[in-house]
């Protein structure tokens, strides 16, 4: 929950890069809870929750091209 909330921007980026590295290199799934759109965009998918219910799901703009490429049949 808000892993970068009390950090300066440089340290926040380092933590987010570490999460991305753990996901990419070790295949770990990381669930990140944040109110910050720029932090959320480090994820592969953004899930909006309101009143305890999923309101929407969308690929992150940073990873949207990757998702589209995976969905295209070969």
C-alpha atoms as a PDB file:
ATOM      1  CA  UNK A   1       0.000   0.000   0.000  1.00  0.00           C
ATOM      2  CA  UNK A   2       1.573   3.269  -1.211  1.00  0.00           C
ATOM      3  CA  UNK A   3       5.160   1.905  -1.234  1.00  0.00           C
ATOM      4  CA  UNK A   4       6.496   5.232  -2.487  1.00  0.00           C
ATOM      5  CA  UNK A   5       4.204   7.535  -0.494  1.00  0.00           C
ATOM      6  CA  UNK A   6       6.824   8.949   1.872  1.00  0.00           C
ATOM      7  CA  UNK A   7       9.800   8.812  -0.486  1.00  0.00           C
ATOM      8  CA  UNK A   8      11.497  11.440  -2.608  1.00  0.00           C
ATOM      9  CA  UNK A   9      11.037  11.075  -6.374  1.00  0.00           C
ATOM     10  CA  UNK A  10      14.498   9.592  -7.020  1.00  0.00           C
ATOM     11  CA  UNK A  11      14.073   6.874  -4.390  1.00  0.00           C
ATOM     12  CA  UNK A  12      10.524   6.203  -5.609  1.00  0.00           C
ATOM     13  CA  UNK A  13      11.822   5.537  -9.120  1.00  0.00           C
ATOM     14  CA  UNK A  14      14.488   3.199  -7.720  1.00  0.00           C
ATOM     15  CA  UNK A  15      11.866   1.200  -5.810  1.00  0.00           C
ATOM     16  CA  UNK A  16       9.592   0.983  -8.866  1.00  0.00           C
ATOM     17  CA  UNK A  17      12.521  -0.172 -11.039  1.00  0.00           C
ATOM     18  CA  UNK A  18      13.298  -2.830  -8.428  1.00  0.00           C
ATOM     19  CA  UNK A  19       9.688  -4.069  -8.574  1.00  0.00           C
ATOM     20  CA  UNK A  20       9.864  -4.202 -12.386  1.00  0.00           C
ATOM     21  CA  UNK A  21      13.145  -6.116 -12.212  1.00  0.00           C
ATOM     22  CA  UNK A  22      11.724  -8.643  -9.733  1.00  0.00           C
ATOM     23  CA  UNK A  23       8.748  -9.174 -12.031  1.00  0.00           C
ATOM     24  CA  UNK A  24      10.818  -9.506 -15.189  1.00  0.00           C
ATOM     25  CA  UNK A  25      13.742 -11.562 -13.869  1.00  0.00           C
ATOM     26  CA  UNK A  26      12.105 -13.696 -11.191  1.00  0.00           C
ATOM     27  CA  UNK A  27       8.539 -13.819 -12.497  1.00  0.00           C
ATOM     28  CA  UNK A  28       7.120 -12.383  -9.275  1.00  0.00           C
ATOM     29  CA  UNK A  29       3.645 -10.886  -9.330  1.00  0.00           C
ATOM     30  CA  UNK A  30       3.552  -7.605  -7.456  1.00  0.00           C
ATOM     31  CA  UNK A  31       0.298  -5.968  -6.430  1.00  0.00           C
ATOM     32  CA  UNK A  32       0.828  -2.268  -5.918  1.00  0.00           C
ATOM     33  CA  UNK A  33      -1.798  -0.098  -4.249  1.00  0.00           C
ATOM     34  CA  UNK A  34      -1.522   3.617  -4.930  1.00  0.00           C
ATOM     35  CA  UNK A  35      -3.491   6.793  -5.537  1.00  0.00           C
ATOM     36  CA  UNK A  36      -0.712   8.171  -7.752  1.00  0.00           C
ATOM     37  CA  UNK A  37      -1.330   7.741 -11.492  1.00  0.00           C
ATOM     38  CA  UNK A  38       2.381   8.021 -12.378  1.00  0.00           C
ATOM     39  CA  UNK A  39       3.209   5.236  -9.911  1.00  0.00           C
ATOM     40  CA  UNK A  40       0.344   3.052 -11.188  1.00  0.00           C
ATOM     41  CA  UNK A  41       1.613   3.397 -14.746  1.00  0.00           C
ATOM     42  CA  UNK A  42       4.669   1.306 -13.815  1.00  0.00           C
ATOM     43  CA  UNK A  43       2.338  -1.706 -13.667  1.00  0.00           C
ATOM     44  CA  UNK A  44       1.268  -3.864 -16.585  1.00  0.00           C
ATOM     45  CA  UNK A  45      -2.410  -3.441 -15.718  1.00  0.00           C
ATOM     46  CA  UNK A  46      -4.270  -0.778 -13.760  1.00  0.00           C
ATOM     47  CA  UNK A  47      -7.356  -1.849 -11.833  1.00  0.00           C
ATOM     48  CA  UNK A  48      -9.584   0.905 -10.437  1.00  0.00           C
ATOM     49  CA  UNK A  49     -11.503  -0.048  -7.294  1.00  0.00           C
ATOM     50  CA  UNK A  50     -14.325   2.020  -5.858  1.00  0.00           C
ATOM     51  CA  UNK A  51     -16.394   1.109  -2.812  1.00  0.00           C
ATOM     52  CA  UNK A  52     -14.768  -2.319  -2.753  1.00  0.00           C
ATOM     53  CA  UNK A  53     -15.744  -3.187  -6.339  1.00  0.00           C
ATOM     54  CA  UNK A  54     -13.696  -3.267  -9.521  1.00  0.00           C
ATOM     55  CA  UNK A  55     -14.761  -0.226 -11.482  1.00  0.00           C
ATOM     56  CA  UNK A  56     -12.438  -0.716 -14.474  1.00  0.00           C
ATOM     57  CA  UNK A  57      -9.362  -2.541 -15.735  1.00  0.00           C
ATOM     58  CA  UNK A  58      -6.966  -1.215 -18.342  1.00  0.00           C
ATOM     59  CA  UNK A  59      -3.462  -1.884 -19.579  1.00  0.00           C
ATOM     60  CA  UNK A  60      -0.966   0.644 -18.350  1.00  0.00           C
ATOM     61  CA  UNK A  61      -0.020   3.167 -21.041  1.00  0.00           C
ATOM     62  CA  UNK A  62       3.628   2.167 -20.531  1.00  0.00           C
ATOM     63  CA  UNK A  63       2.805  -1.472 -21.274  1.00  0.00           C
ATOM     64  CA  UNK A  64      -0.187  -1.180 -23.626  1.00  0.00           C
ATOM     65  CA  UNK A  65       1.864  -1.965 -26.733  1.00  0.00           C
ATOM     66  CA  UNK A  66       3.155  -5.141 -25.134  1.00  0.00           C
ATOM     67  CA  UNK A  67      -0.388  -6.297 -24.237  1.00  0.00           C
ATOM     68  CA  UNK A  68      -1.700  -5.560 -27.737  1.00  0.00           C
ATOM     69  CA  UNK A  69       1.211  -7.461 -29.291  1.00  0.00           C
ATOM     70  CA  UNK A  70       0.471 -10.497 -27.093  1.00  0.00           C
ATOM     71  CA  UNK A  71      -3.213 -10.481 -28.075  1.00  0.00           C
ATOM     72  CA  UNK A  72      -2.644 -10.382 -31.831  1.00  0.00           C
ATOM     73  CA  UNK A  73      -3.013 -13.907 -33.262  1.00  0.00           C
ATOM     74  CA  UNK A  74      -0.039 -15.058 -35.297  1.00  0.00           C
END
